[in-house]
């Protein structure tokens, strides 16, 4: 869609630049540029005249995905205090200004490397064991089976290209939940894509707390595996690095159950996005790919 020679994405970007420039945090002239990434938000780099560089994150609530910005900001603040995420300088509703890190996000094939699995496992242990002490105020839970159930209700009401598959997917969700068993509950990231793991050249950081909430650590590990195309050797190395021991049989089953749930969630999230997203995003192909992966993972359950 174009208006006056400018497409909608450009107009949204221009509004974002104006919003960033108008923030009361700045102490003088600034240079602003868009940053890559951010499916549920817009990100900008900013440099002040004194050379200080910041990252600005703009985003509204997205209830259809369970993204609430008060929750994201509470988790990001706790992560910054725990030294897991960059320092935060300013917050307002839908706005967050933090330190702009040097370096770059990892790629999926880099996440799979043994040396990086060790670093990521240590970072996740730190997340799961230390962030709770720095958390202030209310924060959401992220129980993946309820997230899936909510997506299913939305798709039942609005319709989707999943058609008759939706009933099977929701029945599968109920079955998986019944097999999840008892779990530990800690503050988790819940969106461990490669793009949310940042390497500054000396250490790793976790970025983007849109889906943060209380959950089981095994979901973060399962989600990391699913999002980055792990095979059994990478999974075994990750779990050994995280726990420092072999998993018990019930823990291995819960991990497999949560891998299936992570795949199922991606299928339904893509179907929800398909209802309103840009046509350039191939949600149909993504759904088909993840359904095939889900069927393969389900076959691994006893």
Protein backbone atom coordinates (compact mmCIF):
# COMPACT_ATOMS: atom_id res chain seq x y z
CA UNK A 1 0.00 0.00 0.00
CA UNK A 2 1.37 3.40 -0.96
CA UNK A 3 0.33 6.93 -0.20
CA UNK A 4 1.99 9.85 -1.93
CA UNK A 5 4.96 7.74 -3.02
CA UNK A 6 5.66 6.45 0.52
CA UNK A 7 4.68 2.94 1.63
CA UNK A 8 3.07 2.20 4.99
CA UNK A 9 6.25 0.78 6.53
CA UNK A 10 8.10 4.00 5.68
CA UNK A 11 5.34 6.11 7.23
CA UNK A 12 5.40 3.99 10.40
CA UNK A 13 9.18 4.35 10.50
CA UNK A 14 8.94 8.13 10.12
CA UNK A 15 6.42 8.30 12.97
CA UNK A 16 8.80 6.20 15.06
CA UNK A 17 11.68 8.58 14.36
CA UNK A 18 9.54 11.54 15.40
CA UNK A 19 8.47 9.73 18.56
CA UNK A 20 12.09 8.96 19.45
CA UNK A 21 13.20 12.54 18.79
CA UNK A 22 10.44 13.90 21.04
CA UNK A 23 11.39 11.87 24.13
CA UNK A 24 12.20 14.08 27.15
CA UNK A 25 15.26 11.96 27.98
CA UNK A 26 17.63 13.69 25.52
CA UNK A 27 19.90 16.49 26.69
CA UNK A 28 20.78 17.90 23.26
CA UNK A 29 20.79 17.20 19.53
CA UNK A 30 20.62 13.52 18.54
CA UNK A 31 21.14 11.32 15.50
CA UNK A 32 18.54 8.53 15.07
CA UNK A 33 18.57 5.45 12.85
CA UNK A 34 16.43 2.28 12.66
CA UNK A 35 17.78 -0.99 14.06
CA UNK A 36 17.08 -4.42 12.62
CA UNK A 37 14.78 -6.92 14.31
CA UNK A 38 11.73 -6.44 16.46
CA UNK A 39 8.70 -8.32 15.11
CA UNK A 40 6.42 -6.92 17.81
CA UNK A 41 8.12 -3.53 18.25
CA UNK A 42 10.25 -0.89 16.56
CA UNK A 43 13.87 -0.34 17.53
CA UNK A 44 16.12 2.65 16.94
CA UNK A 45 19.71 3.59 17.63
CA UNK A 46 20.43 7.05 18.99
CA UNK A 47 23.68 8.97 19.38
CA UNK A 48 23.91 12.17 21.37
CA UNK A 49 26.32 14.98 20.60
CA UNK A 50 28.52 13.83 23.50
CA UNK A 51 28.98 10.44 21.79
CA UNK A 52 26.73 8.39 24.09
CA UNK A 53 24.74 5.76 22.20
CA UNK A 54 21.37 4.31 23.17
CA UNK A 55 18.80 1.80 21.94
CA UNK A 56 15.17 2.90 21.93
CA UNK A 57 12.38 0.35 21.87
CA UNK A 58 8.83 1.36 20.95
CA UNK A 59 5.90 -1.04 21.22
CA UNK A 60 2.23 -1.25 22.08
CA UNK A 61 0.43 -4.07 23.86
CA UNK A 62 -0.42 -7.08 21.67
CA UNK A 63 -3.00 -8.99 23.72
CA UNK A 64 -3.50 -11.56 20.96
CA UNK A 65 0.04 -12.75 21.69
CA UNK A 66 -0.02 -12.08 25.43
CA UNK A 67 2.47 -9.21 25.03
CA UNK A 68 1.88 -6.52 27.65
CA UNK A 69 4.47 -3.77 27.83
CA UNK A 70 4.28 -3.29 31.61
CA UNK A 71 5.32 -6.93 31.89
CA UNK A 72 8.15 -6.61 29.33
CA UNK A 73 9.51 -3.54 31.10
CA UNK A 74 9.40 -5.17 34.55
CA UNK A 75 11.33 -8.17 33.24
CA UNK A 76 13.82 -6.02 31.30
CA UNK A 77 14.48 -3.92 34.39
CA UNK A 78 15.12 -7.04 36.49
CA UNK A 79 17.37 -8.47 33.76
CA UNK A 80 19.38 -5.24 33.62
CA UNK A 81 19.81 -5.22 37.38
CA UNK A 82 20.95 -8.85 37.22
CA UNK A 83 23.50 -7.97 34.52
CA UNK A 84 21.81 -10.12 31.89
CA UNK A 85 20.47 -7.29 29.71
CA UNK A 86 21.77 -3.77 28.97
CA UNK A 87 21.33 -0.97 31.47
CA UNK A 88 18.02 0.90 31.19
CA UNK A 89 18.01 4.69 31.42
CA UNK A 90 14.40 5.67 30.76
CA UNK A 91 10.95 4.08 30.65
CA UNK A 92 7.51 5.35 29.76
CA UNK A 93 4.39 3.48 28.55
CA UNK A 94 5.45 1.71 25.36
CA UNK A 95 8.96 3.23 25.42
CA UNK A 96 12.27 1.95 26.77
CA UNK A 97 15.73 3.54 26.40
CA UNK A 98 18.72 1.34 27.17
CA UNK A 99 22.44 1.13 26.47
CA UNK A 100 23.25 0.36 22.82
CA UNK A 101 25.62 -2.58 22.92
CA UNK A 102 28.51 -3.06 20.48
CA UNK A 103 28.45 -6.38 18.64
CA UNK A 104 25.64 -8.37 17.04
CA UNK A 105 23.01 -11.02 17.58
CA UNK A 106 23.94 -14.64 16.98
CA UNK A 107 22.77 -16.73 14.04
CA UNK A 108 21.11 -20.12 14.56
CA UNK A 109 24.16 -22.05 13.37
CA UNK A 110 26.28 -20.12 15.88
CA UNK A 111 23.89 -20.99 18.70
CA UNK A 112 24.47 -24.68 17.88
CA UNK A 113 28.26 -24.51 18.31
CA UNK A 114 29.54 -26.38 21.40
CA UNK A 115 31.46 -23.40 22.75
CA UNK A 116 28.39 -21.18 22.46
CA UNK A 117 26.10 -23.80 24.01
CA UNK A 118 28.26 -23.64 27.13
CA UNK A 119 28.01 -19.85 27.22
CA UNK A 120 24.26 -19.85 26.58
CA UNK A 121 23.61 -22.50 29.23
CA UNK A 122 25.52 -20.40 31.78
CA UNK A 123 23.56 -17.29 30.76
CA UNK A 124 20.23 -19.11 31.12
CA UNK A 125 21.18 -20.49 34.53
CA UNK A 126 21.97 -16.95 35.60
CA UNK A 127 18.63 -15.78 34.23
CA UNK A 128 16.68 -18.52 36.00
CA UNK A 129 18.46 -18.26 39.35
CA UNK A 130 19.16 -14.54 39.78
CA UNK A 131 16.49 -12.45 38.07
CA UNK A 132 13.74 -13.13 40.58
CA UNK A 133 15.64 -11.27 43.30
CA UNK A 134 15.60 -8.09 41.19
CA UNK A 135 11.96 -8.25 40.12
CA UNK A 136 9.70 -5.49 41.41
CA UNK A 137 5.95 -5.36 40.99
CA UNK A 138 3.57 -7.71 39.19
CA UNK A 139 4.58 -9.89 36.29
CA UNK A 140 2.73 -12.44 34.15
CA UNK A 141 3.01 -16.19 34.03
CA UNK A 142 3.79 -17.91 30.72
CA UNK A 143 2.27 -21.39 30.80
CA UNK A 144 2.68 -22.45 27.20
CA UNK A 145 -0.39 -24.70 27.20
CA UNK A 146 -2.62 -21.79 28.23
CA UNK A 147 -0.94 -19.58 25.61
CA UNK A 148 -1.80 -22.22 23.00
CA UNK A 149 -5.35 -22.52 24.32
CA UNK A 150 -5.82 -18.76 24.01
CA UNK A 151 -4.58 -18.82 20.41
CA UNK A 152 -7.01 -21.67 19.70
CA UNK A 153 -9.97 -19.68 21.02
CA UNK A 154 -8.99 -16.68 18.88
CA UNK A 155 -8.67 -18.84 15.76
CA UNK A 156 -11.97 -20.61 16.45
CA UNK A 157 -13.73 -17.25 16.64
CA UNK A 158 -12.07 -15.65 13.64
CA UNK A 159 -11.32 -18.62 11.41
CA UNK A 160 -7.97 -19.56 9.93
CA UNK A 161 -6.34 -21.49 7.14
CA UNK A 162 -5.70 -24.35 9.58
CA UNK A 163 -9.24 -25.59 9.01
CA UNK A 164 -9.90 -29.04 10.47
CA UNK A 165 -6.32 -29.27 11.72
CA UNK A 166 -7.15 -26.82 14.50
CA UNK A 167 -9.22 -29.39 16.43
CA UNK A 168 -6.38 -31.91 16.27
CA UNK A 169 -3.86 -29.29 17.39
CA UNK A 170 -5.98 -28.32 20.40
CA UNK A 171 -6.48 -31.97 21.37
CA UNK A 172 -2.73 -32.43 21.09
CA UNK A 173 -2.24 -29.46 23.42
CA UNK A 174 -4.47 -31.03 26.07
CA UNK A 175 -2.58 -34.32 25.76
CA UNK A 176 0.79 -32.61 26.08
CA UNK A 177 -0.31 -30.66 29.14
CA UNK A 178 -1.46 -33.86 30.81
CA UNK A 179 2.02 -35.31 30.30
CA UNK A 180 4.06 -32.30 31.37
CA UNK A 181 4.24 -33.44 34.99
CA UNK A 182 5.40 -31.31 37.96
CA UNK A 183 7.87 -28.57 37.09
CA UNK A 184 10.00 -25.93 38.81
CA UNK A 185 8.82 -22.36 38.29
CA UNK A 186 11.20 -19.43 37.77
CA UNK A 187 11.29 -16.24 35.72
CA UNK A 188 11.97 -17.24 32.09
CA UNK A 189 12.63 -15.47 28.81
CA UNK A 190 10.30 -17.66 26.69
CA UNK A 191 11.45 -16.36 23.28
CA UNK A 192 14.94 -17.74 22.74
CA UNK A 193 15.53 -17.06 19.09
CA UNK A 194 19.11 -16.53 17.93
CA UNK A 195 18.32 -12.85 17.40
CA UNK A 196 17.62 -12.39 21.11
CA UNK A 197 21.07 -13.68 22.12
CA UNK A 198 23.60 -10.89 21.67
CA UNK A 199 27.40 -11.19 21.60
CA UNK A 200 29.38 -8.02 22.35
CA UNK A 201 32.67 -9.77 21.62
CA UNK A 202 33.39 -10.49 25.27
CA UNK A 203 30.15 -11.95 26.65
CA UNK A 204 26.55 -12.82 25.84
CA UNK A 205 23.40 -10.86 26.70
CA UNK A 206 19.68 -11.65 26.53
CA UNK A 207 17.50 -9.12 24.71
CA UNK A 208 13.75 -8.61 24.12
CA UNK A 209 11.58 -9.62 27.08
CA UNK A 210 8.22 -9.40 25.28
CA UNK A 211 7.14 -12.90 26.39
CA UNK A 212 8.84 -12.97 29.79
CA UNK A 213 7.02 -14.60 32.66
CA UNK A 214 7.08 -17.29 35.29
CA UNK A 215 7.55 -20.68 33.66
CA UNK A 216 9.67 -23.80 33.90
CA UNK A 217 13.37 -23.60 32.94
CA UNK A 218 12.88 -26.66 30.73
CA UNK A 219 10.64 -24.59 28.45
CA UNK A 220 13.43 -22.07 27.82
CA UNK A 221 15.76 -24.96 26.95
CA UNK A 222 13.15 -26.64 24.73
CA UNK A 223 12.32 -23.33 23.08
CA UNK A 224 16.01 -22.68 22.39
CA UNK A 225 16.26 -26.09 20.73
CA UNK A 226 13.17 -25.63 18.57
CA UNK A 227 13.98 -22.07 17.50
CA UNK A 228 17.54 -22.88 16.48
CA UNK A 229 17.16 -26.23 14.73
CA UNK A 230 18.91 -28.42 17.28
CA UNK A 231 19.50 -32.11 16.62
CA UNK A 232 19.89 -34.66 19.47
CA UNK A 233 23.65 -34.03 19.92
CA UNK A 234 23.10 -30.28 20.43
CA UNK A 235 20.21 -30.95 22.80
CA UNK A 236 22.28 -33.40 24.85
CA UNK A 237 25.16 -30.91 25.04
CA UNK A 238 22.82 -28.08 26.09
CA UNK A 239 21.11 -30.09 28.82
CA UNK A 240 24.41 -31.42 30.15
CA UNK A 241 25.87 -27.91 30.21
CA UNK A 242 22.82 -26.46 31.95
CA UNK A 243 22.27 -29.15 34.59
CA UNK A 244 25.78 -30.56 34.88
CA UNK A 245 24.32 -34.07 34.93
CA UNK A 246 22.23 -36.48 32.91
CA UNK A 247 18.50 -35.80 33.03
CA UNK A 248 16.23 -38.22 34.84
CA UNK A 249 13.65 -40.06 32.75
CA UNK A 250 10.75 -37.84 33.84
CA UNK A 251 12.79 -34.71 33.07
CA UNK A 252 13.63 -35.99 29.59
CA UNK A 253 9.95 -36.63 28.92
CA UNK A 254 9.00 -33.14 30.11
CA UNK A 255 11.67 -31.67 27.85
CA UNK A 256 10.24 -33.56 24.85
CA UNK A 257 6.69 -32.53 25.79
CA UNK A 258 7.76 -28.89 25.97
CA UNK A 259 9.54 -29.13 22.61
CA UNK A 260 6.26 -30.29 21.12
CA UNK A 261 4.42 -27.46 22.86
CA UNK A 262 6.94 -24.89 21.58
CA UNK A 263 6.40 -26.13 18.02
CA UNK A 264 2.63 -26.10 18.44
CA UNK A 265 2.70 -22.58 19.83
CA UNK A 266 4.64 -21.38 16.79
CA UNK A 267 2.07 -22.94 14.45
CA UNK A 268 -0.84 -21.16 16.15
CA UNK A 269 1.01 -17.86 16.62
CA UNK A 270 1.75 -17.85 12.90
CA UNK A 271 -1.91 -18.59 12.15
CA UNK A 272 -2.95 -15.63 14.32
CA UNK A 273 -0.42 -13.36 12.62
CA UNK A 274 -1.69 -14.53 9.24
CA UNK A 275 -5.02 -12.85 9.96
CA UNK A 276 -3.50 -9.37 10.06
CA UNK A 277 0.14 -9.52 8.93
CA UNK A 278 1.80 -8.31 5.77
CA UNK A 279 1.22 -10.59 2.78
CA UNK A 280 5.00 -10.72 2.23
CA UNK A 281 5.30 -13.00 5.29
CA UNK A 282 4.80 -16.63 4.22
CA UNK A 283 2.83 -17.84 7.22
CA UNK A 284 1.31 -20.73 5.29
CA UNK A 285 4.73 -22.23 4.53
CA UNK A 286 5.89 -21.59 8.12
CA UNK A 287 2.83 -23.36 9.55
CA UNK A 288 3.32 -26.37 7.29
CA UNK A 289 7.00 -26.63 8.25
CA UNK A 290 6.31 -26.46 11.98
CA UNK A 291 3.40 -28.92 11.78
CA UNK A 292 5.75 -31.41 10.11
CA UNK A 293 8.33 -30.83 12.84
CA UNK A 294 5.61 -31.20 15.49
CA UNK A 295 4.54 -34.57 14.08
CA UNK A 296 8.15 -35.75 14.13
CA UNK A 297 8.61 -34.56 17.73
CA UNK A 298 5.37 -36.22 18.84
CA UNK A 299 6.70 -39.49 17.47
CA UNK A 300 9.53 -39.19 19.99
CA UNK A 301 7.14 -39.40 22.94
CA UNK A 302 6.77 -42.85 24.46
